[in-house]
Amino acid sequence: MEFQIWHYWVIAGVLFLILEIFTPSFIAACIGIGAIFGGLAAGIGLDFKWQIGFFAVATLASFFTVRPFMLKYAYKTSDKVKTNVDNMIGKLGMVTQKIDHSAQTGRVKIDGDDWKAEAENDEIIDTGTRVEVTGIESIILTVRPVKKE
């Protein structure tokens, strides 16, 4: 079987659509859509200038129409997922070094990790006290003691 130019366009389009799976920015998919339209132009017998034109117009059109739609609806829940340090707020930990603002001391252990900490109201919190993370600034946690029930 002899490959024709439209085969290459479609293969490139499919490869870009597959690449989009690994790069979720929807740019590779726009290029893939453009390549498929370039293949369509080649398939109906248009010369290479027209194929490039179809590719460029379809890529730009999908970039400005399909991409915003996909970013809005396909990734709408991704902003609500807390990751990294944002996930720390609300977690409970144990004071491993007395938290004292005036002495600039204080460490808390949370999920096996040791963090520098300071008290929410500049109060002194003794070692062994359970605390809750209320904020984070750089690598320093802001904590408050958990009230015993």
N, C-alpha and C. Protein backbone atom coordinates (compact mmCIF):
# COMPACT_ATOMS: atom_id res chain seq x y z
N MET A 1 0.84 -1.18 0.00
CA MET A 1 0.00 0.00 0.00
C MET A 1 0.88 1.23 0.00
N GLU A 2 0.58 2.12 -0.87
CA GLU A 2 1.35 3.35 -1.00
C GLU A 2 0.69 4.46 -0.19
N PHE A 3 1.50 5.13 0.63
CA PHE A 3 0.95 6.23 1.43
C PHE A 3 0.79 7.46 0.57
N GLN A 4 -0.33 8.13 0.77
CA GLN A 4 -0.56 9.41 0.11
C GLN A 4 -0.41 10.50 1.16
N ILE A 5 -0.33 11.74 0.71
CA ILE A 5 -0.06 12.85 1.62
C ILE A 5 -1.15 12.99 2.69
N TRP A 6 -2.39 12.68 2.34
CA TRP A 6 -3.45 12.83 3.34
C TRP A 6 -3.30 11.82 4.46
N HIS A 7 -2.67 10.67 4.18
CA HIS A 7 -2.41 9.70 5.24
C HIS A 7 -1.48 10.29 6.30
N TYR A 8 -0.45 11.00 5.85
CA TYR A 8 0.50 11.61 6.78
C TYR A 8 -0.18 12.68 7.63
N TRP A 9 -1.05 13.46 7.00
CA TRP A 9 -1.79 14.49 7.74
C TRP A 9 -2.64 13.85 8.85
N VAL A 10 -3.37 12.81 8.50
CA VAL A 10 -4.26 12.16 9.47
C VAL A 10 -3.47 11.46 10.57
N ILE A 11 -2.37 10.81 10.19
CA ILE A 11 -1.52 10.17 11.20
C ILE A 11 -0.97 11.22 12.16
N ALA A 12 -0.51 12.36 11.62
CA ALA A 12 -0.01 13.44 12.48
C ALA A 12 -1.12 13.95 13.39
N GLY A 13 -2.32 14.10 12.85
CA GLY A 13 -3.46 14.55 13.65
C GLY A 13 -3.77 13.61 14.78
N VAL A 14 -3.79 12.32 14.49
CA VAL A 14 -4.08 11.32 15.53
C VAL A 14 -2.98 11.32 16.59
N LEU A 15 -1.72 11.43 16.15
CA LEU A 15 -0.61 11.46 17.11
C LEU A 15 -0.70 12.69 18.03
N PHE A 16 -1.08 13.84 17.48
CA PHE A 16 -1.25 15.03 18.32
C PHE A 16 -2.43 14.87 19.28
N LEU A 17 -3.49 14.22 18.84
CA LEU A 17 -4.61 13.98 19.75
C LEU A 17 -4.22 13.02 20.87
N ILE A 18 -3.39 12.03 20.56
CA ILE A 18 -2.89 11.13 21.60
C ILE A 18 -1.94 11.87 22.53
N LEU A 19 -1.11 12.73 21.97
CA LEU A 19 -0.19 13.53 22.79
C LEU A 19 -0.95 14.39 23.79
N GLU A 20 -2.13 14.83 23.42
CA GLU A 20 -2.94 15.66 24.32
C GLU A 20 -3.27 14.94 25.62
N ILE A 21 -3.32 13.64 25.59
CA ILE A 21 -3.60 12.86 26.81
C ILE A 21 -2.52 13.14 27.86
N PHE A 22 -1.30 13.33 27.41
CA PHE A 22 -0.17 13.52 28.32
C PHE A 22 0.11 14.98 28.63
N THR A 23 -0.46 15.90 27.86
CA THR A 23 -0.27 17.34 28.09
C THR A 23 -1.64 18.01 28.09
N PRO A 24 -2.30 18.08 29.24
CA PRO A 24 -3.69 18.54 29.27
C PRO A 24 -3.88 20.05 29.15
N SER A 25 -3.25 20.66 28.17
CA SER A 25 -3.44 22.09 27.96
C SER A 25 -4.33 22.36 26.75
N PHE A 26 -4.68 21.34 26.04
CA PHE A 26 -5.51 21.35 24.85
C PHE A 26 -4.89 22.12 23.69
N ILE A 27 -3.57 22.25 23.69
CA ILE A 27 -2.88 22.86 22.54
C ILE A 27 -2.55 21.79 21.51
N ALA A 28 -2.05 20.65 21.95
CA ALA A 28 -1.73 19.56 21.03
C ALA A 28 -2.98 19.09 20.30
N ALA A 29 -4.11 19.10 20.99
CA ALA A 29 -5.36 18.68 20.34
C ALA A 29 -5.77 19.66 19.25
N CYS A 30 -5.54 20.95 19.48
CA CYS A 30 -5.85 21.94 18.45
C CYS A 30 -4.99 21.72 17.21
N ILE A 31 -3.72 21.41 17.41
CA ILE A 31 -2.84 21.11 16.28
C ILE A 31 -3.31 19.82 15.59
N GLY A 32 -3.74 18.84 16.38
CA GLY A 32 -4.25 17.60 15.81
C GLY A 32 -5.49 17.83 14.96
N ILE A 33 -6.38 18.68 15.43
CA ILE A 33 -7.59 19.00 14.65
C ILE A 33 -7.19 19.69 13.36
N GLY A 34 -6.22 20.62 13.44
CA GLY A 34 -5.74 21.29 12.24
C GLY A 34 -5.13 20.32 11.25
N ALA A 35 -4.37 19.35 11.74
CA ALA A 35 -3.74 18.35 10.85
C ALA A 35 -4.80 17.49 10.16
N ILE A 36 -5.84 17.16 10.88
CA ILE A 36 -6.92 16.37 10.25
C ILE A 36 -7.59 17.17 9.15
N PHE A 37 -7.78 18.47 9.37
CA PHE A 37 -8.35 19.31 8.30
C PHE A 37 -7.37 19.46 7.14
N GLY A 38 -6.06 19.50 7.44
CA GLY A 38 -5.07 19.50 6.35
C GLY A 38 -5.17 18.22 5.54
N GLY A 39 -5.39 17.10 6.23
CA GLY A 39 -5.59 15.82 5.54
C GLY A 39 -6.85 15.81 4.71
N LEU A 40 -7.89 16.47 5.21
CA LEU A 40 -9.13 16.57 4.44
C LEU A 40 -8.89 17.34 3.14
N ALA A 41 -8.13 18.44 3.24
CA ALA A 41 -7.80 19.22 2.03
C ALA A 41 -6.99 18.39 1.06
N ALA A 42 -6.04 17.61 1.57
CA ALA A 42 -5.23 16.74 0.69
C ALA A 42 -6.10 15.64 0.09
N GLY A 43 -7.03 15.14 0.88
CA GLY A 43 -7.89 14.06 0.41
C GLY A 43 -8.81 14.47 -0.73
N ILE A 44 -9.20 15.74 -0.77
CA ILE A 44 -10.07 16.19 -1.87
C ILE A 44 -9.26 16.74 -3.05
N GLY A 45 -7.93 16.62 -2.94
CA GLY A 45 -7.08 16.93 -4.10
C GLY A 45 -6.55 18.35 -4.17
N LEU A 46 -6.63 19.11 -3.10
CA LEU A 46 -6.09 20.48 -3.13
C LEU A 46 -4.57 20.43 -3.02
N ASP A 47 -3.91 21.47 -3.59
CA ASP A 47 -2.45 21.47 -3.54
C ASP A 47 -1.94 21.82 -2.14
N PHE A 48 -0.60 21.77 -1.96
CA PHE A 48 0.00 21.87 -0.63
C PHE A 48 -0.27 23.22 0.03
N LYS A 49 -0.34 24.30 -0.74
CA LYS A 49 -0.62 25.63 -0.16
C LYS A 49 -2.00 25.63 0.49
N TRP A 50 -2.96 25.01 -0.17
CA TRP A 50 -4.31 24.94 0.40
C TRP A 50 -4.33 24.04 1.63
N GLN A 51 -3.56 22.98 1.62
CA GLN A 51 -3.49 22.08 2.77
C GLN A 51 -2.96 22.83 4.00
N ILE A 52 -1.90 23.60 3.78
CA ILE A 52 -1.33 24.40 4.87
C ILE A 52 -2.35 25.44 5.34
N GLY A 53 -3.07 26.02 4.41
CA GLY A 53 -4.11 27.00 4.76
C GLY A 53 -5.22 26.36 5.60
N PHE A 54 -5.68 25.20 5.20
CA PHE A 54 -6.71 24.49 5.97
C PHE A 54 -6.18 24.15 7.37
N PHE A 55 -4.93 23.67 7.41
CA PHE A 55 -4.30 23.34 8.68
C PHE A 55 -4.25 24.57 9.60
N ALA A 56 -3.79 25.69 9.07
CA ALA A 56 -3.63 26.90 9.89
C ALA A 56 -4.98 27.44 10.37
N VAL A 57 -5.94 27.50 9.46
CA VAL A 57 -7.25 28.04 9.84
C VAL A 57 -7.94 27.13 10.85
N ALA A 58 -7.90 25.83 10.63
CA ALA A 58 -8.55 24.89 11.56
C ALA A 58 -7.85 24.89 12.92
N THR A 59 -6.52 24.99 12.93
CA THR A 59 -5.80 25.04 14.20
C THR A 59 -6.18 26.30 14.97
N LEU A 60 -6.17 27.45 14.31
CA LEU A 60 -6.53 28.70 14.98
C LEU A 60 -8.00 28.70 15.42
N ALA A 61 -8.87 28.20 14.56
CA ALA A 61 -10.29 28.15 14.91
C ALA A 61 -10.53 27.26 16.12
N SER A 62 -9.88 26.12 16.16
CA SER A 62 -10.08 25.23 17.31
C SER A 62 -9.42 25.81 18.55
N PHE A 63 -8.31 26.54 18.37
CA PHE A 63 -7.65 27.16 19.51
C PHE A 63 -8.54 28.22 20.16
N PHE A 64 -9.26 28.98 19.34
CA PHE A 64 -10.09 30.06 19.88
C PHE A 64 -11.54 29.68 20.15
N THR A 65 -11.97 28.49 19.72
CA THR A 65 -13.35 28.08 19.99
C THR A 65 -13.41 26.83 20.87
N VAL A 66 -12.78 25.77 20.44
CA VAL A 66 -12.87 24.51 21.17
C VAL A 66 -12.06 24.56 22.46
N ARG A 67 -10.86 25.14 22.41
CA ARG A 67 -9.99 25.16 23.60
C ARG A 67 -10.63 25.88 24.78
N PRO A 68 -11.18 27.11 24.61
CA PRO A 68 -11.81 27.75 25.77
C PRO A 68 -12.98 26.94 26.32
N PHE A 69 -13.75 26.32 25.44
CA PHE A 69 -14.86 25.49 25.88
C PHE A 69 -14.36 24.32 26.72
N MET A 70 -13.31 23.64 26.25
CA MET A 70 -12.76 22.50 26.98
C MET A 70 -12.14 22.92 28.31
N LEU A 71 -11.42 24.03 28.32
CA LEU A 71 -10.82 24.49 29.57
C LEU A 71 -11.88 24.87 30.59
N LYS A 72 -12.99 25.40 30.11
CA LYS A 72 -14.06 25.83 31.02
C LYS A 72 -14.83 24.64 31.58
N TYR A 73 -15.17 23.68 30.74
CA TYR A 73 -16.05 22.60 31.18
C TYR A 73 -15.31 21.31 31.54
N ALA A 74 -14.22 21.01 30.87
CA ALA A 74 -13.52 19.76 31.15
C ALA A 74 -12.69 19.84 32.42
N TYR A 75 -12.25 21.04 32.78
CA TYR A 75 -11.40 21.20 33.95
C TYR A 75 -12.07 22.03 35.04
N LYS A 76 -13.38 22.11 35.06
CA LYS A 76 -14.04 23.00 36.01
C LYS A 76 -13.91 22.54 37.46
N THR A 77 -13.66 21.27 37.72
CA THR A 77 -13.50 20.82 39.10
C THR A 77 -12.06 20.88 39.56
N SER A 78 -11.12 21.12 38.66
CA SER A 78 -9.72 21.07 39.05
C SER A 78 -9.33 22.21 39.99
N ASP A 79 -10.01 23.35 39.96
CA ASP A 79 -9.66 24.45 40.85
C ASP A 79 -10.05 24.16 42.30
N LYS A 80 -10.99 23.27 42.53
CA LYS A 80 -11.48 22.99 43.87
C LYS A 80 -10.63 21.97 44.62
N VAL A 81 -9.73 21.31 43.92
CA VAL A 81 -8.90 20.29 44.55
C VAL A 81 -7.73 20.97 45.25
N LYS A 82 -7.62 20.73 46.55
CA LYS A 82 -6.51 21.30 47.29
C LYS A 82 -5.29 20.40 47.13
N THR A 83 -4.17 21.02 46.83
CA THR A 83 -2.93 20.27 46.68
C THR A 83 -1.82 20.95 47.45
N ASN A 84 -0.76 20.21 47.66
CA ASN A 84 0.45 20.70 48.32
C ASN A 84 0.14 21.40 49.63
N VAL A 85 0.63 22.62 49.82
CA VAL A 85 0.47 23.29 51.11
C VAL A 85 -0.96 23.72 51.37
N ASP A 86 -1.77 23.94 50.35
CA ASP A 86 -3.17 24.31 50.56
C ASP A 86 -3.91 23.20 51.29
N ASN A 87 -3.46 21.98 51.11
CA ASN A 87 -4.07 20.83 51.76
C ASN A 87 -3.75 20.77 53.25
N MET A 88 -2.78 21.53 53.70
CA MET A 88 -2.36 21.51 55.11
C MET A 88 -3.38 22.19 56.03
N ILE A 89 -4.07 23.19 55.54
CA ILE A 89 -5.00 23.95 56.37
C ILE A 89 -6.12 23.03 56.84
N GLY A 90 -6.31 23.01 58.16
CA GLY A 90 -7.33 22.17 58.77
C GLY A 90 -6.78 20.85 59.29
N LYS A 91 -5.56 20.51 58.96
CA LYS A 91 -4.98 19.25 59.45
C LYS A 91 -4.61 19.37 60.92
N LEU A 92 -4.60 18.23 61.59
CA LEU A 92 -4.24 18.18 63.00
C LEU A 92 -2.83 17.65 63.15
N GLY A 93 -2.12 18.20 64.15
CA GLY A 93 -0.76 17.76 64.40
C GLY A 93 -0.44 17.82 65.88
N MET A 94 0.81 17.50 66.19
CA MET A 94 1.29 17.46 67.57
C MET A 94 2.50 18.36 67.70
N VAL A 95 2.51 19.19 68.74
CA VAL A 95 3.65 20.08 68.98
C VAL A 95 4.83 19.25 69.45
N THR A 96 5.97 19.36 68.75
CA THR A 96 7.17 18.62 69.12
C THR A 96 8.21 19.52 69.79
N GLN A 97 8.08 20.82 69.60
CA GLN A 97 8.93 21.79 70.28
C GLN A 97 8.03 22.94 70.70
N LYS A 98 8.15 23.37 71.93
CA LYS A 98 7.30 24.42 72.50
C LYS A 98 7.22 25.62 71.56
N ILE A 99 5.98 26.04 71.28
CA ILE A 99 5.76 27.18 70.40
C ILE A 99 5.74 28.44 71.26
N ASP A 100 6.73 29.29 71.05
CA ASP A 100 6.88 30.53 71.82
C ASP A 100 7.36 31.61 70.86
N HIS A 101 6.51 32.59 70.60
CA HIS A 101 6.83 33.65 69.64
C HIS A 101 8.03 34.47 70.10
N SER A 102 8.10 34.79 71.38
CA SER A 102 9.20 35.64 71.87
C SER A 102 10.55 34.92 71.78
N ALA A 103 10.57 33.62 71.96
CA ALA A 103 11.81 32.84 71.85
C ALA A 103 12.06 32.36 70.43
N GLN A 104 11.11 32.59 69.54
CA GLN A 104 11.16 32.17 68.14
C GLN A 104 11.40 30.66 68.02
N THR A 105 10.65 29.91 68.81
CA THR A 105 10.73 28.46 68.75
C THR A 105 9.36 27.90 68.42
N GLY A 106 9.36 26.68 67.96
CA GLY A 106 8.10 25.99 67.71
C GLY A 106 8.16 25.09 66.51
N ARG A 107 7.82 23.82 66.75
CA ARG A 107 7.76 22.84 65.68
C ARG A 107 6.55 21.95 65.89
N VAL A 108 5.98 21.51 64.78
CA VAL A 108 4.78 20.67 64.81
C VAL A 108 5.00 19.49 63.87
N LYS A 109 4.54 18.33 64.29
CA LYS A 109 4.63 17.14 63.44
C LYS A 109 3.23 16.83 62.89
N ILE A 110 3.14 16.77 61.56
CA ILE A 110 1.88 16.47 60.89
C ILE A 110 2.15 15.42 59.82
N ASP A 111 1.42 14.32 59.89
CA ASP A 111 1.56 13.23 58.92
C ASP A 111 3.01 12.79 58.76
N GLY A 112 3.75 12.78 59.84
CA GLY A 112 5.13 12.32 59.81
C GLY A 112 6.14 13.37 59.40
N ASP A 113 5.68 14.56 59.02
CA ASP A 113 6.58 15.64 58.62
C ASP A 113 6.69 16.66 59.74
N ASP A 114 7.88 17.20 59.92
CA ASP A 114 8.15 18.18 60.96
C ASP A 114 8.16 19.57 60.33
N TRP A 115 7.32 20.48 60.87
CA TRP A 115 7.17 21.83 60.32
C TRP A 115 7.49 22.87 61.39
N LYS A 116 8.05 24.00 60.94
CA LYS A 116 8.20 25.14 61.83
C LYS A 116 6.81 25.72 61.99
N ALA A 117 6.51 26.14 63.23
CA ALA A 117 5.15 26.62 63.49
C ALA A 117 5.16 27.82 64.42
N GLU A 118 4.11 28.61 64.31
CA GLU A 118 3.87 29.71 65.25
C GLU A 118 2.41 29.70 65.62
N ALA A 119 2.12 30.23 66.80
CA ALA A 119 0.74 30.22 67.30
C ALA A 119 -0.08 31.32 66.63
N GLU A 120 -1.36 31.05 66.52
CA GLU A 120 -2.27 31.98 65.86
C GLU A 120 -2.33 33.33 66.58
N ASN A 121 -2.38 33.31 67.90
CA ASN A 121 -2.51 34.55 68.68
C ASN A 121 -1.25 34.84 69.49
N ASP A 122 -0.10 34.40 68.99
CA ASP A 122 1.19 34.57 69.69
C ASP A 122 1.17 34.02 71.11
N GLU A 123 0.34 33.00 71.33
CA GLU A 123 0.31 32.37 72.65
C GLU A 123 1.40 31.30 72.73
N ILE A 124 1.68 30.86 73.92
CA ILE A 124 2.66 29.80 74.13
C ILE A 124 1.91 28.46 74.16
N ILE A 125 2.37 27.51 73.33
CA ILE A 125 1.75 26.19 73.27
C ILE A 125 2.82 25.17 73.64
N ASP A 126 2.54 24.37 74.64
CA ASP A 126 3.52 23.41 75.16
C ASP A 126 3.66 22.19 74.27
N THR A 127 4.79 21.51 74.42
CA THR A 127 5.07 20.26 73.71
C THR A 127 4.01 19.22 74.07
N GLY A 128 3.58 18.45 73.07
CA GLY A 128 2.60 17.40 73.28
C GLY A 128 1.16 17.86 73.07
N THR A 129 0.94 19.14 72.85
CA THR A 129 -0.41 19.66 72.63
C THR A 129 -0.83 19.39 71.18
N ARG A 130 -2.10 18.94 71.02
CA ARG A 130 -2.65 18.76 69.67
C ARG A 130 -3.06 20.12 69.13
N VAL A 131 -2.70 20.37 67.88
CA VAL A 131 -2.99 21.65 67.26
C VAL A 131 -3.62 21.45 65.89
N GLU A 132 -4.29 22.49 65.43
CA GLU A 132 -4.90 22.50 64.10
C GLU A 132 -4.25 23.61 63.29
N VAL A 133 -3.94 23.33 62.03
CA VAL A 133 -3.33 24.31 61.14
C VAL A 133 -4.41 25.27 60.65
N THR A 134 -4.18 26.57 60.87
CA THR A 134 -5.15 27.58 60.43
C THR A 134 -4.63 28.42 59.27
N GLY A 135 -3.34 28.34 59.01
CA GLY A 135 -2.77 29.11 57.91
C GLY A 135 -1.35 28.66 57.63
N ILE A 136 -0.83 29.16 56.53
CA ILE A 136 0.55 28.83 56.17
C ILE A 136 1.16 30.01 55.44
N GLU A 137 2.35 30.36 55.83
CA GLU A 137 3.10 31.43 55.18
C GLU A 137 4.47 30.88 54.85
N SER A 138 4.74 30.68 53.57
CA SER A 138 5.97 30.08 53.10
C SER A 138 6.07 28.66 53.67
N ILE A 139 7.00 28.41 54.60
CA ILE A 139 7.12 27.07 55.18
C ILE A 139 6.80 27.08 56.67
N ILE A 140 6.17 28.14 57.13
CA ILE A 140 5.82 28.26 58.55
C ILE A 140 4.31 28.12 58.71
N LEU A 141 3.91 27.14 59.53
CA LEU A 141 2.48 26.90 59.78
C LEU A 141 2.00 27.81 60.89
N THR A 142 0.79 28.30 60.77
CA THR A 142 0.11 28.99 61.85
C THR A 142 -0.89 28.01 62.44
N VAL A 143 -0.80 27.79 63.76
CA VAL A 143 -1.62 26.77 64.41
C VAL A 143 -2.33 27.33 65.63
N ARG A 144 -3.36 26.59 66.05
CA ARG A 144 -4.06 26.90 67.29
C ARG A 144 -4.32 25.59 68.02
N PRO A 145 -4.33 25.64 69.34
CA PRO A 145 -4.57 24.40 70.10
C PRO A 145 -5.98 23.87 69.83
N VAL A 146 -6.10 22.55 69.80
CA VAL A 146 -7.39 21.91 69.64
C VAL A 146 -8.00 21.77 71.02
N LYS A 147 -9.24 22.24 71.16
CA LYS A 147 -9.91 22.13 72.45
C LYS A 147 -10.31 20.70 72.70
N LYS A 148 -10.05 20.22 73.92
CA LYS A 148 -10.42 18.85 74.29
C LYS A 148 -11.93 18.77 74.53
N GLU A 149 -12.52 17.71 74.03
CA GLU A 149 -13.98 17.56 74.18
C GLU A 149 -14.31 16.59 75.28
